PDB file of N, CA and C in Angstrom:
ATOM      1  N   MET A   1     -21.906  25.241  23.203  1.00  0.00           N
ATOM      2  CA  MET A   1     -20.553  24.419  22.954  1.00  0.00           C
ATOM      3  C   MET A   1     -19.318  25.467  22.584  1.00  0.00           C
ATOM      4  N   THR A   2     -18.238  24.919  22.993  1.00  0.00           N
ATOM      5  CA  THR A   2     -17.188  25.613  22.547  1.00  0.00           C
ATOM      6  C   THR A   2     -16.707  25.084  21.258  1.00  0.00           C
ATOM      7  N   ARG A   3     -15.720  25.949  20.692  1.00  0.00           N
ATOM      8  CA  ARG A   3     -15.116  25.373  19.491  1.00  0.00           C
ATOM      9  C   ARG A   3     -14.652  24.066  19.600  1.00  0.00           C
ATOM     10  N   GLY A   4     -13.836  23.650  20.382  1.00  0.00           N
ATOM     11  CA  GLY A   4     -13.280  22.338  20.643  1.00  0.00           C
ATOM     12  C   GLY A   4     -14.231  21.391  20.706  1.00  0.00           C
ATOM     13  N   GLN A   5     -15.403  21.405  21.513  1.00  0.00           N
ATOM     14  CA  GLN A   5     -16.451  20.473  21.720  1.00  0.00           C
ATOM     15  C   GLN A   5     -17.138  20.330  20.334  1.00  0.00           C
ATOM     16  N   VAL A   6     -17.386  21.447  19.615  1.00  0.00           N
ATOM     17  CA  VAL A   6     -18.044  21.237  18.148  1.00  0.00           C
ATOM     18  C   VAL A   6     -17.097  20.418  17.502  1.00  0.00           C
ATOM     19  N   LEU A   7     -15.851  20.680  17.388  1.00  0.00           N
ATOM     20  CA  LEU A   7     -15.045  19.963  16.536  1.00  0.00           C
ATOM     21  C   LEU A   7     -14.942  18.385  16.903  1.00  0.00           C
ATOM     22  N   ARG A   8     -14.828  18.070  18.437  1.00  0.00           N
ATOM     23  CA  ARG A   8     -14.897  16.834  18.762  1.00  0.00           C
ATOM     24  C   ARG A   8     -15.956  15.962  18.674  1.00  0.00           C
ATOM     25  N   TYR A   9     -17.100  16.708  19.054  1.00  0.00           N
ATOM     26  CA  TYR A   9     -18.404  15.978  19.049  1.00  0.00           C
ATOM     27  C   TYR A   9     -19.282  16.016  17.667  1.00  0.00           C
ATOM     28  N   VAL A  10     -19.043  16.950  16.892  1.00  0.00           N
ATOM     29  CA  VAL A  10     -19.877  17.186  15.722  1.00  0.00           C
ATOM     30  C   VAL A  10     -19.032  16.833  14.492  1.00  0.00           C
ATOM     31  N   THR A  11     -17.918  17.773  14.199  1.00  0.00           N
ATOM     32  CA  THR A  11     -17.331  17.729  12.892  1.00  0.00           C
ATOM     33  C   THR A  11     -16.500  16.608  12.840  1.00  0.00           C
ATOM     34  N   LEU A  12     -15.751  16.178  13.620  1.00  0.00           N
ATOM     35  CA  LEU A  12     -14.764  14.910  13.556  1.00  0.00           C
ATOM     36  C   LEU A  12     -15.722  13.576  13.257  1.00  0.00           C
ATOM     37  N   PRO A  13     -16.721  13.362  14.083  1.00  0.00           N
ATOM     38  CA  PRO A  13     -17.481  12.293  13.879  1.00  0.00           C
ATOM     39  C   PRO A  13     -18.276  12.300  12.372  1.00  0.00           C
ATOM     40  N   ALA A  14     -18.626  13.564  11.942  1.00  0.00           N
ATOM     41  CA  ALA A  14     -19.257  13.615  10.674  1.00  0.00           C
ATOM     42  C   ALA A  14     -18.278  13.301   9.480  1.00  0.00           C
ATOM     43  N   ALA A  15     -17.114  13.674   9.748  1.00  0.00           N
ATOM     44  CA  ALA A  15     -16.053  13.643   8.703  1.00  0.00           C
ATOM     45  C   ALA A  15     -15.233  12.375   8.626  1.00  0.00           C
ATOM     46  N   ALA A  16     -15.331  11.644   9.731  1.00  0.00           N
ATOM     47  CA  ALA A  16     -14.498  10.478   9.981  1.00  0.00           C
ATOM     48  C   ALA A  16     -14.531   9.435   8.711  1.00  0.00           C
ATOM     49  N   PRO A  17     -15.840   9.173   8.123  1.00  0.00           N
ATOM     50  CA  PRO A  17     -15.865   8.329   7.022  1.00  0.00           C
ATOM     51  C   PRO A  17     -15.183   8.677   5.910  1.00  0.00           C
ATOM     52  N   ALA A  18     -15.212   9.892   5.605  1.00  0.00           N
ATOM     53  CA  ALA A  18     -14.579  10.479   4.313  1.00  0.00           C
ATOM     54  C   ALA A  18     -12.987  10.638   4.618  1.00  0.00           C
ATOM     55  N   ILE A  19     -12.742  10.799   5.816  1.00  0.00           N
ATOM     56  CA  ILE A  19     -11.219  10.893   6.179  1.00  0.00           C
ATOM     57  C   ILE A  19     -10.626   9.398   5.879  1.00  0.00           C
ATOM     58  N   PHE A  20     -11.239   8.479   6.621  1.00  0.00           N
ATOM     59  CA  PHE A  20     -10.821   7.094   6.488  1.00  0.00           C
ATOM     60  C   PHE A  20     -10.766   6.480   5.055  1.00  0.00           C
ATOM     61  N   THR A  21     -11.927   6.750   4.340  1.00  0.00           N
ATOM     62  CA  THR A  21     -11.915   6.294   2.952  1.00  0.00           C
ATOM     63  C   THR A  21     -10.845   7.043   2.142  1.00  0.00           C
ATOM     64  N   GLY A  22     -10.712   8.465   2.247  1.00  0.00           N
ATOM     65  CA  GLY A  22      -9.664   9.098   1.399  1.00  0.00           C
ATOM     66  C   GLY A  22      -8.351   8.646   1.627  1.00  0.00           C
ATOM     67  N   VAL A  23      -8.045   8.343   3.093  1.00  0.00           N
ATOM     68  CA  VAL A  23      -6.492   7.796   3.395  1.00  0.00           C
ATOM     69  C   VAL A  23      -6.461   6.345   2.733  1.00  0.00           C
ATOM     70  N   LEU A  24      -7.327   5.541   2.849  1.00  0.00           N
ATOM     71  CA  LEU A  24      -7.224   4.193   2.326  1.00  0.00           C
ATOM     72  C   LEU A  24      -7.192   4.191   0.799  1.00  0.00           C
ATOM     73  N   MET A  25      -7.772   5.179   0.090  1.00  0.00           N
ATOM     74  CA  MET A  25      -7.800   5.265  -1.272  1.00  0.00           C
ATOM     75  C   MET A  25      -6.595   5.865  -1.776  1.00  0.00           C
ATOM     76  N   ALA A  26      -5.922   6.675  -1.116  1.00  0.00           N
ATOM     77  CA  ALA A  26      -4.668   7.271  -1.288  1.00  0.00           C
ATOM     78  C   ALA A  26      -3.597   6.200  -1.252  1.00  0.00           C
ATOM     79  N   LEU A  27      -3.625   5.489  -0.131  1.00  0.00           N
ATOM     80  CA  LEU A  27      -2.746   4.325   0.050  1.00  0.00           C
ATOM     81  C   LEU A  27      -2.966   3.399  -1.228  1.00  0.00           C
ATOM     82  N   SER A  28      -4.110   3.049  -1.635  1.00  0.00           N
ATOM     83  CA  SER A  28      -4.307   2.174  -2.741  1.00  0.00           C
ATOM     84  C   SER A  28      -3.745   2.653  -3.993  1.00  0.00           C
ATOM     85  N   GLN A  29      -3.995   4.046  -4.178  1.00  0.00           N
ATOM     86  CA  GLN A  29      -3.462   4.589  -5.461  1.00  0.00           C
ATOM     87  C   GLN A  29      -2.012   4.647  -5.402  1.00  0.00           C
ATOM     88  N   VAL A  30      -1.405   4.855  -4.329  1.00  0.00           N
ATOM     89  CA  VAL A  30       0.109   4.748  -4.234  1.00  0.00           C
ATOM     90  C   VAL A  30       0.575   3.452  -4.710  1.00  0.00           C
ATOM     91  N   VAL A  31      -0.085   2.371  -4.126  1.00  0.00           N
ATOM     92  CA  VAL A  31       0.341   0.986  -4.267  1.00  0.00           C
ATOM     93  C   VAL A  31       0.136   0.591  -5.931  1.00  0.00           C
ATOM     94  N   GLY A  32      -1.044   1.049  -6.421  1.00  0.00           N
ATOM     95  CA  GLY A  32      -1.338   0.763  -7.777  1.00  0.00           C
ATOM     96  C   GLY A  32      -0.578   1.493  -8.821  1.00  0.00           C
ATOM     97  N   GLU A  33       0.136   2.650  -8.507  1.00  0.00           N
ATOM     98  CA  GLU A  33       1.023   3.446  -9.363  1.00  0.00           C
ATOM     99  C   GLU A  33       2.396   3.085  -9.406  1.00  0.00           C
ATOM    100  N   THR A  34       2.590   2.012  -8.652  1.00  0.00           N
ATOM    101  CA  THR A  34       3.915   1.477  -8.753  1.00  0.00           C
ATOM    102  C   THR A  34       4.309   0.883  -9.901  1.00  0.00           C
ATOM    103  N   ALA A  35       3.352   0.597 -10.685  1.00  0.00           N
ATOM    104  CA  ALA A  35       3.670   0.191 -12.178  1.00  0.00           C
ATOM    105  C   ALA A  35       4.429   1.091 -12.870  1.00  0.00           C
ATOM    106  N   ALA A  36       4.368   2.321 -12.784  1.00  0.00           N
ATOM    107  CA  ALA A  36       5.138   3.397 -13.316  1.00  0.00           C
ATOM    108  C   ALA A  36       6.601   3.255 -12.907  1.00  0.00           C
ATOM    109  N   LEU A  37       6.713   2.917 -11.682  1.00  0.00           N
ATOM    110  CA  LEU A  37       8.186   2.716 -11.057  1.00  0.00           C
ATOM    111  C   LEU A  37       8.630   1.479 -11.850  1.00  0.00           C
ATOM    112  N   ILE A  38       7.939   0.374 -12.061  1.00  0.00           N
ATOM    113  CA  ILE A  38       8.356  -0.750 -12.750  1.00  0.00           C
ATOM    114  C   ILE A  38       8.770  -0.445 -14.071  1.00  0.00           C
ATOM    115  N   ALA A  39       7.917   0.362 -14.815  1.00  0.00           N
ATOM    116  CA  ALA A  39       8.087   0.660 -16.137  1.00  0.00           C
ATOM    117  C   ALA A  39       9.305   1.651 -16.383  1.00  0.00           C
ATOM    118  N   VAL A  40       9.583   2.353 -15.477  1.00  0.00           N
ATOM    119  CA  VAL A  40      10.851   3.377 -15.592  1.00  0.00           C
ATOM    120  C   VAL A  40      11.985   2.645 -15.280  1.00  0.00           C
ATOM    121  N   GLY A  41      11.795   1.857 -14.262  1.00  0.00           N
ATOM    122  CA  GLY A  41      12.951   1.009 -13.934  1.00  0.00           C
ATOM    123  C   GLY A  41      13.234   1.473 -12.459  1.00  0.00           C
ATOM    124  N   ALA A  42      13.701   0.564 -11.650  1.00  0.00           N
ATOM    125  CA  ALA A  42      14.261   0.782 -10.246  1.00  0.00           C
ATOM    126  C   ALA A  42      15.783   0.914 -10.330  1.00  0.00           C
ATOM    127  N   ALA A  43      16.261   2.042  -9.924  1.00  0.00           N
ATOM    128  CA  ALA A  43      17.710   2.292 -10.039  1.00  0.00           C
ATOM    129  C   ALA A  43      18.418   1.606  -8.974  1.00  0.00           C
ATOM    130  N   ALA A  44      17.894   1.446  -7.767  1.00  0.00           N
ATOM    131  CA  ALA A  44      18.560   0.776  -6.672  1.00  0.00           C
ATOM    132  C   ALA A  44      17.582  -0.226  -6.031  1.00  0.00           C
ATOM    133  N   PHE A  45      18.220  -1.346  -5.732  1.00  0.00           N
ATOM    134  CA  PHE A  45      17.457  -2.536  -5.318  1.00  0.00           C
ATOM    135  C   PHE A  45      18.247  -3.248  -4.214  1.00  0.00           C
ATOM    136  N   VAL A  46      17.602  -3.926  -3.279  1.00  0.00           N
ATOM    137  CA  VAL A  46      18.244  -4.765  -2.322  1.00  0.00           C
ATOM    138  C   VAL A  46      17.894  -6.186  -2.639  1.00  0.00           C
ATOM    139  N   SER A  47      18.846  -6.900  -3.063  1.00  0.00           N
ATOM    140  CA  SER A  47      18.561  -8.316  -3.413  1.00  0.00           C
ATOM    141  C   SER A  47      18.743  -9.331  -2.313  1.00  0.00           C
ATOM    142  N   PHE A  48      18.416  -8.966  -1.241  1.00  0.00           N
ATOM    143  CA  PHE A  48      18.505 -10.011   0.042  1.00  0.00           C
ATOM    144  C   PHE A  48      17.243  -9.862   0.932  1.00  0.00           C
ATOM    145  N   VAL A  49      17.007 -10.751   1.678  1.00  0.00           N
ATOM    146  CA  VAL A  49      15.788 -10.806   2.520  1.00  0.00           C
ATOM    147  C   VAL A  49      16.093  -9.833   3.716  1.00  0.00           C
ATOM    148  N   PRO A  50      15.165  -9.015   3.983  1.00  0.00           N
ATOM    149  CA  PRO A  50      15.618  -8.116   5.256  1.00  0.00           C
ATOM    150  C   PRO A  50      15.426  -8.869   6.614  1.00  0.00           C
ATOM    151  N   ASP A  51      16.138  -8.307   7.443  1.00  0.00           N
ATOM    152  CA  ASP A  51      16.178  -8.788   8.744  1.00  0.00           C
ATOM    153  C   ASP A  51      14.768  -8.315   9.416  1.00  0.00           C
ATOM    154  N   LEU A  52      13.877  -9.100   9.916  1.00  0.00           N
ATOM    155  CA  LEU A  52      12.790  -8.741  10.398  1.00  0.00           C
ATOM    156  C   LEU A  52      12.608  -8.692  11.970  1.00  0.00           C
ATOM    157  N   SER A  53      13.822  -8.666  12.617  1.00  0.00           N
ATOM    158  CA  SER A  53      13.828  -8.484  14.193  1.00  0.00           C
ATOM    159  C   SER A  53      13.490  -7.108  14.550  1.00  0.00           C
ATOM    160  N   LEU A  54      13.094  -6.838  15.607  1.00  0.00           N
ATOM    161  CA  LEU A  54      12.855  -5.600  16.190  1.00  0.00           C
ATOM    162  C   LEU A  54      14.169  -4.742  16.422  1.00  0.00           C
ATOM    163  N   SER A  55      15.235  -5.464  16.651  1.00  0.00           N
ATOM    164  CA  SER A  55      16.404  -4.706  16.760  1.00  0.00           C
ATOM    165  C   SER A  55      17.054  -4.302  15.548  1.00  0.00           C
ATOM    166  N   ALA A  56      16.515  -4.668  14.316  1.00  0.00           N
ATOM    167  CA  ALA A  56      17.119  -4.282  13.010  1.00  0.00           C
ATOM    168  C   ALA A  56      16.165  -3.251  12.320  1.00  0.00           C
ATOM    169  N   LEU A  57      15.729  -2.242  13.030  1.00  0.00           N
ATOM    170  CA  LEU A  57      14.760  -1.419  12.380  1.00  0.00           C
ATOM    171  C   LEU A  57      15.559  -0.458  11.358  1.00  0.00           C
ATOM    172  N   GLN A  58      16.938  -0.370  11.476  1.00  0.00           N
ATOM    173  CA  GLN A  58      17.726   0.573  10.533  1.00  0.00           C
ATOM    174  C   GLN A  58      18.329  -0.414   9.437  1.00  0.00           C
ATOM    175  N   SER A  59      18.039  -1.690   9.413  1.00  0.00           N
ATOM    176  CA  SER A  59      18.641  -2.650   8.465  1.00  0.00           C
ATOM    177  C   SER A  59      18.113  -2.226   6.957  1.00  0.00           C
ATOM    178  N   GLY A  60      18.658  -2.744   5.999  1.00  0.00           N
ATOM    179  CA  GLY A  60      18.247  -2.706   4.541  1.00  0.00           C
ATOM    180  C   GLY A  60      16.786  -3.433   4.352  1.00  0.00           C
ATOM    181  N   TYR A  61      16.226  -2.800   3.408  1.00  0.00           N
ATOM    182  CA  TYR A  61      14.939  -3.298   3.099  1.00  0.00           C
ATOM    183  C   TYR A  61      14.626  -3.322   1.606  1.00  0.00           C
ATOM    184  N   THR A  62      13.571  -3.835   1.072  1.00  0.00           N
ATOM    185  CA  THR A  62      13.172  -3.681  -0.314  1.00  0.00           C
ATOM    186  C   THR A  62      11.734  -3.601  -0.345  1.00  0.00           C
ATOM    187  N   THR A  63      11.147  -3.200  -1.666  1.00  0.00           N
ATOM    188  CA  THR A  63       9.844  -3.026  -1.876  1.00  0.00           C
ATOM    189  C   THR A  63       9.282  -3.986  -2.773  1.00  0.00           C
ATOM    190  N   LEU A  64       8.157  -4.271  -2.816  1.00  0.00           N
ATOM    191  CA  LEU A  64       7.315  -5.187  -3.894  1.00  0.00           C
ATOM    192  C   LEU A  64       7.759  -4.591  -5.475  1.00  0.00           C
ATOM    193  N   PRO A  65       7.591  -3.451  -5.663  1.00  0.00           N
ATOM    194  CA  PRO A  65       7.803  -3.036  -7.011  1.00  0.00           C
ATOM    195  C   PRO A  65       9.310  -3.264  -7.442  1.00  0.00           C
ATOM    196  N   THR A  66      10.141  -2.857  -6.446  1.00  0.00           N
ATOM    197  CA  THR A  66      11.627  -3.045  -6.667  1.00  0.00           C
ATOM    198  C   THR A  66      12.044  -4.514  -6.989  1.00  0.00           C
ATOM    199  N   GLN A  67      11.386  -5.516  -6.231  1.00  0.00           N
ATOM    200  CA  GLN A  67      11.675  -6.893  -6.419  1.00  0.00           C
ATOM    201  C   GLN A  67      10.956  -7.246  -7.781  1.00  0.00           C
ATOM    202  N   ILE A  68       9.858  -6.796  -8.058  1.00  0.00           N
ATOM    203  CA  ILE A  68       9.309  -7.101  -9.530  1.00  0.00           C
ATOM    204  C   ILE A  68      10.254  -6.701 -10.538  1.00  0.00           C
ATOM    205  N   PHE A  69      10.689  -5.290 -10.544  1.00  0.00           N
ATOM    206  CA  PHE A  69      11.649  -5.078 -11.507  1.00  0.00           C
ATOM    207  C   PHE A  69      13.032  -6.008 -11.582  1.00  0.00           C
ATOM    208  N   TYR A  70      13.503  -6.055 -10.311  1.00  0.00           N
ATOM    209  CA  TYR A  70      14.854  -7.082 -10.198  1.00  0.00           C
ATOM    210  C   TYR A  70      14.496  -8.438 -10.847  1.00  0.00           C
ATOM    211  N   TRP A  71      13.230  -8.980 -10.488  1.00  0.00           N
ATOM    212  CA  TRP A  71      13.093 -10.328 -10.929  1.00  0.00           C
ATOM    213  C   TRP A  71      12.694 -10.408 -12.451  1.00  0.00           C
ATOM    214  N   ALA A  72      11.964  -9.327 -12.924  1.00  0.00           N
ATOM    215  CA  ALA A  72      11.605  -9.486 -14.474  1.00  0.00           C
ATOM    216  C   ALA A  72      12.809  -9.117 -15.316  1.00  0.00           C
ATOM    217  N   THR A  73      13.802  -8.503 -14.849  1.00  0.00           N
ATOM    218  CA  THR A  73      14.955  -8.360 -15.575  1.00  0.00           C
ATOM    219  C   THR A  73      15.950  -9.518 -15.691  1.00  0.00           C
ATOM    220  N   ARG A  74      15.726 -10.477 -14.880  1.00  0.00           N
ATOM    221  CA  ARG A  74      16.540 -11.662 -14.801  1.00  0.00           C
ATOM    222  C   ARG A  74      16.124 -12.612 -15.945  1.00  0.00           C
ATOM    223  N   PRO A  75      17.018 -13.197 -16.736  1.00  0.00           N
ATOM    224  CA  PRO A  75      16.653 -14.063 -17.854  1.00  0.00           C
ATOM    225  C   PRO A  75      16.192 -15.516 -17.470  1.00  0.00           C
ATOM    226  N   GLN A  76      16.325 -16.024 -16.200  1.00  0.00           N
ATOM    227  CA  GLN A  76      15.947 -17.135 -15.926  1.00  0.00           C
ATOM    228  C   GLN A  76      14.443 -17.360 -15.908  1.00  0.00           C
ATOM    229  N   ALA A  77      13.794 -18.373 -16.051  1.00  0.00           N
ATOM    230  CA  ALA A  77      12.422 -18.431 -16.114  1.00  0.00           C
ATOM    231  C   ALA A  77      11.797 -18.585 -14.681  1.00  0.00           C
ATOM    232  N   GLU A  78      12.598 -19.108 -13.890  1.00  0.00           N
ATOM    233  CA  GLU A  78      12.053 -19.010 -12.282  1.00  0.00           C
ATOM    234  C   GLU A  78      11.886 -17.592 -11.825  1.00  0.00           C
ATOM    235  N   PHE A  79      12.712 -16.711 -12.455  1.00  0.00           N
ATOM    236  CA  PHE A  79      12.612 -15.325 -11.811  1.00  0.00           C
ATOM    237  C   PHE A  79      11.368 -14.646 -12.514  1.00  0.00           C
ATOM    238  N   GLN A  80      10.913 -15.139 -13.691  1.00  0.00           N
ATOM    239  CA  GLN A  80       9.929 -14.550 -14.490  1.00  0.00           C
ATOM    240  C   GLN A  80       8.580 -14.973 -13.582  1.00  0.00           C
ATOM    241  N   GLY A  81       8.530 -16.245 -13.248  1.00  0.00           N
ATOM    242  CA  GLY A  81       7.439 -16.644 -12.492  1.00  0.00           C
ATOM    243  C   GLY A  81       7.376 -15.942 -11.087  1.00  0.00           C
ATOM    244  N   LEU A  82       8.494 -15.714 -10.348  1.00  0.00           N
ATOM    245  CA  LEU A  82       8.459 -14.959  -9.170  1.00  0.00           C
ATOM    246  C   LEU A  82       7.912 -13.467  -9.366  1.00  0.00           C
ATOM    247  N   ALA A  83       8.316 -12.927 -10.683  1.00  0.00           N
ATOM    248  CA  ALA A  83       7.810 -11.620 -10.834  1.00  0.00           C
ATOM    249  C   ALA A  83       6.313 -11.482 -10.946  1.00  0.00           C
ATOM    250  N   ALA A  84       5.809 -12.495 -11.681  1.00  0.00           N
ATOM    251  CA  ALA A  84       4.304 -12.555 -12.068  1.00  0.00           C
ATOM    252  C   ALA A  84       3.624 -12.933 -10.740  1.00  0.00           C
ATOM    253  N   ALA A  85       4.071 -13.666  -9.906  1.00  0.00           N
ATOM    254  CA  ALA A  85       3.398 -13.952  -8.651  1.00  0.00           C
ATOM    255  C   ALA A  85       3.491 -12.666  -7.662  1.00  0.00           C
ATOM    256  N   THR A  86       4.602 -11.978  -7.924  1.00  0.00           N
ATOM    257  CA  THR A  86       4.522 -10.716  -7.073  1.00  0.00           C
ATOM    258  C   THR A  86       3.701  -9.721  -7.444  1.00  0.00           C
ATOM    259  N   ILE A  87       3.609  -9.604  -8.935  1.00  0.00           N
ATOM    260  CA  ILE A  87       2.469  -8.725  -9.445  1.00  0.00           C
ATOM    261  C   ILE A  87       1.190  -9.092  -8.984  1.00  0.00           C
ATOM    262  N   ILE A  88       0.807 -10.350  -8.762  1.00  0.00           N
ATOM    263  CA  ILE A  88      -0.514 -10.808  -8.301  1.00  0.00           C
ATOM    264  C   ILE A  88      -0.725 -10.395  -6.848  1.00  0.00           C
ATOM    265  N   VAL A  89       0.260 -10.550  -6.144  1.00  0.00           N
ATOM    266  CA  VAL A  89       0.294 -10.123  -4.675  1.00  0.00           C
ATOM    267  C   VAL A  89       0.027  -8.740  -4.565  1.00  0.00           C
ATOM    268  N   LEU A  90       0.698  -7.864  -5.319  1.00  0.00           N
ATOM    269  CA  LEU A  90       0.486  -6.496  -5.366  1.00  0.00           C
ATOM    270  C   LEU A  90      -0.759  -6.055  -5.748  1.00  0.00           C
ATOM    271  N   GLY A  91      -1.383  -6.813  -6.763  1.00  0.00           N
ATOM    272  CA  GLY A  91      -2.737  -6.459  -7.334  1.00  0.00           C
ATOM    273  C   GLY A  91      -3.813  -6.851  -6.132  1.00  0.00           C
ATOM    274  N   ALA A  92      -3.527  -7.925  -5.463  1.00  0.00           N
ATOM    275  CA  ALA A  92      -4.415  -8.384  -4.303  1.00  0.00           C
ATOM    276  C   ALA A  92      -4.512  -7.426  -3.151  1.00  0.00           C
ATOM    277  N   ILE A  93      -3.137  -6.711  -2.965  1.00  0.00           N
ATOM    278  CA  ILE A  93      -3.207  -5.860  -1.856  1.00  0.00           C
ATOM    279  C   ILE A  93      -3.981  -4.469  -2.147  1.00  0.00           C
ATOM    280  N   VAL A  94      -3.836  -4.118  -3.434  1.00  0.00           N
ATOM    281  CA  VAL A  94      -4.673  -3.117  -4.022  1.00  0.00           C
ATOM    282  C   VAL A  94      -6.182  -3.357  -3.739  1.00  0.00           C
ATOM    283  N   LEU A  95      -6.617  -4.574  -4.087  1.00  0.00           N
ATOM    284  CA  LEU A  95      -8.006  -4.981  -4.154  1.00  0.00           C
ATOM    285  C   LEU A  95      -8.498  -4.929  -2.756  1.00  0.00           C
ATOM    286  N   VAL A  96      -7.557  -5.466  -1.777  1.00  0.00           N
ATOM    287  CA  VAL A  96      -8.083  -5.509  -0.388  1.00  0.00           C
ATOM    288  C   VAL A  96      -8.111  -4.328   0.183  1.00  0.00           C
ATOM    289  N   ILE A  97      -7.330  -3.347  -0.187  1.00  0.00           N
ATOM    290  CA  ILE A  97      -7.238  -1.816   0.446  1.00  0.00           C
ATOM    291  C   ILE A  97      -8.673  -1.308  -0.073  1.00  0.00           C
ATOM    292  N   ASN A  98      -8.895  -1.233  -1.360  1.00  0.00           N
ATOM    293  CA  ASN A  98     -10.127  -0.790  -1.945  1.00  0.00           C
ATOM    294  C   ASN A  98     -11.422  -1.372  -1.272  1.00  0.00           C
ATOM    295  N   VAL A  99     -11.481  -2.765  -1.027  1.00  0.00           N
ATOM    296  CA  VAL A  99     -12.612  -3.351  -0.495  1.00  0.00           C
ATOM    297  C   VAL A  99     -12.749  -2.840   0.952  1.00  0.00           C
ATOM    298  N   VAL A 100     -11.688  -2.771   1.674  1.00  0.00           N
ATOM    299  CA  VAL A 100     -11.724  -2.272   3.084  1.00  0.00           C
ATOM    300  C   VAL A 100     -12.294  -0.726   3.071  1.00  0.00           C
ATOM    301  N   ALA A 101     -11.860   0.008   2.169  1.00  0.00           N
ATOM    302  CA  ALA A 101     -12.232   1.504   2.034  1.00  0.00           C
ATOM    303  C   ALA A 101     -13.762   1.562   1.814  1.00  0.00           C
ATOM    304  N   VAL A 102     -14.135   0.734   0.978  1.00  0.00           N
ATOM    305  CA  VAL A 102     -15.691   0.768   0.468  1.00  0.00           C
ATOM    306  C   VAL A 102     -16.360   0.392   1.846  1.00  0.00           C
ATOM    307  N   PHE A 103     -16.063  -0.744   2.398  1.00  0.00           N
ATOM    308  CA  PHE A 103     -16.715  -1.305   3.577  1.00  0.00           C
ATOM    309  C   PHE A 103     -16.667  -0.293   4.856  1.00  0.00           C
ATOM    310  N   MET A 104     -15.559   0.389   5.089  1.00  0.00           N
ATOM    311  CA  MET A 104     -15.451   1.244   6.103  1.00  0.00           C
ATOM    312  C   MET A 104     -16.503   2.562   5.883  1.00  0.00           C
ATOM    313  N   ARG A 105     -16.320   3.043   4.592  1.00  0.00           N
ATOM    314  CA  ARG A 105     -17.234   4.197   4.156  1.00  0.00           C
ATOM    315  C   ARG A 105     -18.812   3.688   4.306  1.00  0.00           C
ATOM    316  N   ASP A 106     -19.147   2.526   3.893  1.00  0.00           N
ATOM    317  CA  ASP A 106     -20.560   2.097   4.148  1.00  0.00           C
ATOM    318  C   ASP A 106     -20.833   1.916   5.504  1.00  0.00           C
ATOM    319  N   LEU A 107     -20.068   1.388   6.308  1.00  0.00           N
ATOM    320  CA  LEU A 107     -20.143   1.154   7.710  1.00  0.00           C
ATOM    321  C   LEU A 107     -20.372   2.593   8.491  1.00  0.00           C
ATOM    322  N   PHE A 108     -19.581   3.532   8.148  1.00  0.00           N
ATOM    323  CA  PHE A 108     -19.714   4.882   8.986  1.00  0.00           C
ATOM    324  C   PHE A 108     -20.789   5.622   8.457  1.00  0.00           C
ATOM    325  N   TYR A 109     -21.232   5.473   7.084  1.00  0.00           N
ATOM    326  CA  TYR A 109     -22.226   6.301   6.630  1.00  0.00           C
ATOM    327  C   TYR A 109     -23.558   5.849   7.125  1.00  0.00           C
ATOM    328  N   ARG A 110     -23.736   4.488   7.474  1.00  0.00           N
ATOM    329  CA  ARG A 110     -24.892   4.035   7.982  1.00  0.00           C
ATOM    330  C   ARG A 110     -25.356   4.505   9.475  1.00  0.00           C
ATOM    331  N   ARG A 111     -24.181   5.187  10.237  1.00  0.00           N
ATOM    332  CA  ARG A 111     -24.531   5.636  11.537  1.00  0.00           C
ATOM    333  C   ARG A 111     -25.280   6.830  11.486  1.00  0.00           C
TER     334      ARG A 111
END
């Protein structure tokens, strides 16, 4: 076998589960560490709903941690509820990514 064939047929299939798991765990860690962003404070935020059409790829946007910070700093009780709900959504995203990573790891290791 040539080096390319070894890489394609032996090395990459053997390393694929670890690569996929590592990527998903890194993504989960990034999402989970947004709490530090919230604690330090979001310096800039966009307080409008972004345009979701395909022609608006260059339009403004916001992130969940930024919205949590924005809503948590507002004195109205409604915004406190929105911030709490957004924190739950962010936690659910982290949980789903971790579950998918573990499932994919187990699926690929069985082969």
